[in-house]
Amino acid sequence: MMKNRIRELRKMMNISQEELAKLCQVSRQTINAIENNKYDPSLELAFKLAKHLGTTVDHLFIYDER
């Protein structure tokens, strides 16, 4: 299972789900689903998220082996 730091970083940058969605060219619902670990993004989207949140994919996503 993948966990992520999207919500945490997004809030630190004071960016709404809607704003991040527009930057990444996806719906707000997609951002919400990813933040709530209900959807794993494509590799392309993962890189877009990391870029717009000023981090790396490695830092943004945490693999939980449980």
N, C-alpha and C. Protein backbone atom coordinates (compact mmCIF):
# COMPACT_ATOMS: atom_id res chain seq x y z
N MET A 1 0.84 -1.18 0.00
CA MET A 1 0.00 0.00 0.00
C MET A 1 0.89 1.25 0.00
N MET A 2 0.47 2.24 -0.76
CA MET A 2 1.21 3.49 -0.82
C MET A 2 0.55 4.52 0.08
N LYS A 3 1.35 5.22 0.83
CA LYS A 3 0.87 6.36 1.60
C LYS A 3 1.57 7.58 1.01
N ASN A 4 1.08 8.76 1.32
CA ASN A 4 1.71 9.94 0.74
C ASN A 4 1.64 11.14 1.67
N ARG A 5 2.44 12.14 1.32
CA ARG A 5 2.51 13.38 2.09
C ARG A 5 1.85 14.54 1.34
N ILE A 6 1.00 14.25 0.39
CA ILE A 6 0.41 15.30 -0.44
C ILE A 6 -0.36 16.32 0.39
N ARG A 7 -1.28 15.86 1.22
CA ARG A 7 -2.09 16.79 2.02
C ARG A 7 -1.18 17.68 2.89
N GLU A 8 -0.24 17.05 3.55
CA GLU A 8 0.68 17.76 4.44
C GLU A 8 1.44 18.86 3.68
N LEU A 9 2.03 18.52 2.54
CA LEU A 9 2.80 19.49 1.77
C LEU A 9 1.90 20.55 1.14
N ARG A 10 0.74 20.12 0.67
CA ARG A 10 -0.21 21.05 0.04
C ARG A 10 -0.64 22.11 1.06
N LYS A 11 -0.93 21.68 2.27
CA LYS A 11 -1.36 22.63 3.31
C LYS A 11 -0.22 23.55 3.73
N MET A 12 1.00 23.03 3.79
CA MET A 12 2.15 23.87 4.12
C MET A 12 2.34 24.97 3.08
N MET A 13 2.01 24.66 1.82
CA MET A 13 2.15 25.63 0.73
C MET A 13 0.88 26.47 0.55
N ASN A 14 -0.14 26.17 1.36
CA ASN A 14 -1.41 26.90 1.29
C ASN A 14 -2.05 26.81 -0.10
N ILE A 15 -2.06 25.59 -0.64
CA ILE A 15 -2.66 25.32 -1.95
C ILE A 15 -3.89 24.44 -1.74
N SER A 16 -4.99 24.78 -2.37
CA SER A 16 -6.21 23.97 -2.25
C SER A 16 -6.10 22.74 -3.15
N GLN A 17 -6.95 21.77 -2.89
CA GLN A 17 -7.01 20.59 -3.76
C GLN A 17 -7.33 21.03 -5.19
N GLU A 18 -8.23 21.99 -5.32
CA GLU A 18 -8.63 22.49 -6.64
C GLU A 18 -7.44 23.10 -7.38
N GLU A 19 -6.66 23.91 -6.68
CA GLU A 19 -5.49 24.54 -7.30
C GLU A 19 -4.46 23.50 -7.74
N LEU A 20 -4.19 22.54 -6.87
CA LEU A 20 -3.23 21.49 -7.21
C LEU A 20 -3.74 20.66 -8.38
N ALA A 21 -5.03 20.38 -8.39
CA ALA A 21 -5.63 19.63 -9.49
C ALA A 21 -5.43 20.35 -10.82
N LYS A 22 -5.66 21.66 -10.83
CA LYS A 22 -5.49 22.44 -12.07
C LYS A 22 -4.04 22.41 -12.53
N LEU A 23 -3.11 22.56 -11.59
CA LEU A 23 -1.68 22.53 -11.94
C LEU A 23 -1.29 21.19 -12.57
N CYS A 24 -1.91 20.11 -12.07
CA CYS A 24 -1.57 18.76 -12.53
C CYS A 24 -2.50 18.25 -13.63
N GLN A 25 -3.47 19.08 -14.01
CA GLN A 25 -4.42 18.75 -15.08
C GLN A 25 -5.24 17.49 -14.78
N VAL A 26 -5.73 17.43 -13.53
CA VAL A 26 -6.64 16.35 -13.12
C VAL A 26 -7.79 16.98 -12.35
N SER A 27 -8.76 16.17 -11.95
CA SER A 27 -9.90 16.68 -11.20
C SER A 27 -9.55 16.81 -9.71
N ARG A 28 -10.30 17.64 -9.00
CA ARG A 28 -10.13 17.77 -7.56
C ARG A 28 -10.39 16.42 -6.90
N GLN A 29 -11.35 15.67 -7.45
CA GLN A 29 -11.68 14.36 -6.88
C GLN A 29 -10.49 13.40 -6.97
N THR A 30 -9.70 13.52 -8.02
CA THR A 30 -8.51 12.68 -8.15
C THR A 30 -7.51 13.00 -7.05
N ILE A 31 -7.29 14.29 -6.80
CA ILE A 31 -6.37 14.70 -5.73
C ILE A 31 -6.89 14.19 -4.38
N ASN A 32 -8.18 14.32 -4.15
CA ASN A 32 -8.79 13.85 -2.91
C ASN A 32 -8.60 12.34 -2.74
N ALA A 33 -8.83 11.58 -3.80
CA ALA A 33 -8.69 10.13 -3.74
C ALA A 33 -7.24 9.73 -3.46
N ILE A 34 -6.29 10.42 -4.07
CA ILE A 34 -4.87 10.11 -3.84
C ILE A 34 -4.51 10.44 -2.39
N GLU A 35 -4.92 11.62 -1.92
CA GLU A 35 -4.62 12.02 -0.53
C GLU A 35 -5.18 11.01 0.48
N ASN A 36 -6.32 10.43 0.17
CA ASN A 36 -6.96 9.48 1.08
C ASN A 36 -6.57 8.03 0.82
N ASN A 37 -5.52 7.85 0.03
CA ASN A 37 -4.97 6.51 -0.27
C ASN A 37 -5.99 5.58 -0.90
N LYS A 38 -6.90 6.14 -1.68
CA LYS A 38 -7.91 5.33 -2.37
C LYS A 38 -7.54 5.12 -3.84
N TYR A 39 -6.49 5.81 -4.30
CA TYR A 39 -6.10 5.75 -5.70
C TYR A 39 -4.60 5.99 -5.79
N ASP A 40 -3.90 5.13 -6.52
CA ASP A 40 -2.47 5.32 -6.77
C ASP A 40 -2.31 6.02 -8.11
N PRO A 41 -1.63 7.16 -8.12
CA PRO A 41 -1.49 7.90 -9.37
C PRO A 41 -0.55 7.21 -10.35
N SER A 42 -0.68 7.58 -11.61
CA SER A 42 0.26 7.10 -12.62
C SER A 42 1.63 7.69 -12.30
N LEU A 43 2.65 7.14 -12.89
CA LEU A 43 4.00 7.66 -12.69
C LEU A 43 4.08 9.11 -13.16
N GLU A 44 3.46 9.42 -14.28
CA GLU A 44 3.46 10.79 -14.81
C GLU A 44 2.82 11.75 -13.81
N LEU A 45 1.67 11.37 -13.26
CA LEU A 45 0.99 12.23 -12.29
C LEU A 45 1.81 12.36 -11.01
N ALA A 46 2.45 11.30 -10.58
CA ALA A 46 3.28 11.35 -9.38
C ALA A 46 4.40 12.38 -9.55
N PHE A 47 5.02 12.42 -10.74
CA PHE A 47 6.07 13.39 -11.00
C PHE A 47 5.52 14.82 -11.05
N LYS A 48 4.34 14.99 -11.61
CA LYS A 48 3.70 16.31 -11.63
C LYS A 48 3.41 16.79 -10.22
N LEU A 49 2.85 15.91 -9.41
CA LEU A 49 2.55 16.26 -8.01
C LEU A 49 3.82 16.67 -7.28
N ALA A 50 4.86 15.88 -7.41
CA ALA A 50 6.13 16.18 -6.74
C ALA A 50 6.67 17.53 -7.21
N LYS A 51 6.63 17.78 -8.49
CA LYS A 51 7.14 19.04 -9.04
C LYS A 51 6.38 20.23 -8.45
N HIS A 52 5.06 20.17 -8.46
CA HIS A 52 4.25 21.30 -8.00
C HIS A 52 4.26 21.45 -6.48
N LEU A 53 4.65 20.40 -5.78
CA LEU A 53 4.76 20.48 -4.32
C LEU A 53 6.21 20.69 -3.87
N GLY A 54 7.10 20.88 -4.84
CA GLY A 54 8.49 21.21 -4.53
C GLY A 54 9.27 20.11 -3.85
N THR A 55 9.01 18.87 -4.26
CA THR A 55 9.70 17.75 -3.63
C THR A 55 10.01 16.68 -4.67
N THR A 56 10.44 15.53 -4.21
CA THR A 56 10.71 14.40 -5.11
C THR A 56 9.62 13.34 -4.93
N VAL A 57 9.50 12.49 -5.91
CA VAL A 57 8.53 11.38 -5.82
C VAL A 57 8.87 10.50 -4.62
N ASP A 58 10.16 10.26 -4.39
CA ASP A 58 10.60 9.44 -3.26
C ASP A 58 10.14 10.01 -1.92
N HIS A 59 10.16 11.32 -1.79
CA HIS A 59 9.75 11.95 -0.53
C HIS A 59 8.23 12.03 -0.42
N LEU A 60 7.57 12.16 -1.56
CA LEU A 60 6.12 12.34 -1.57
C LEU A 60 5.36 11.06 -1.24
N PHE A 61 5.88 9.92 -1.70
CA PHE A 61 5.18 8.65 -1.51
C PHE A 61 5.97 7.70 -0.62
N ILE A 62 5.25 7.02 0.27
CA ILE A 62 5.87 6.07 1.20
C ILE A 62 5.24 4.70 0.97
N TYR A 63 6.08 3.72 0.72
CA TYR A 63 5.57 2.37 0.51
C TYR A 63 5.44 1.67 1.86
N ASP A 64 4.23 1.21 2.15
CA ASP A 64 3.95 0.50 3.39
C ASP A 64 3.73 -0.97 3.04
N GLU A 65 4.62 -1.85 3.49
CA GLU A 65 4.55 -3.26 3.12
C GLU A 65 3.46 -4.06 3.81
N ARG A 66 2.79 -3.47 4.79
CA ARG A 66 1.75 -4.19 5.52
C ARG A 66 0.60 -4.56 4.66
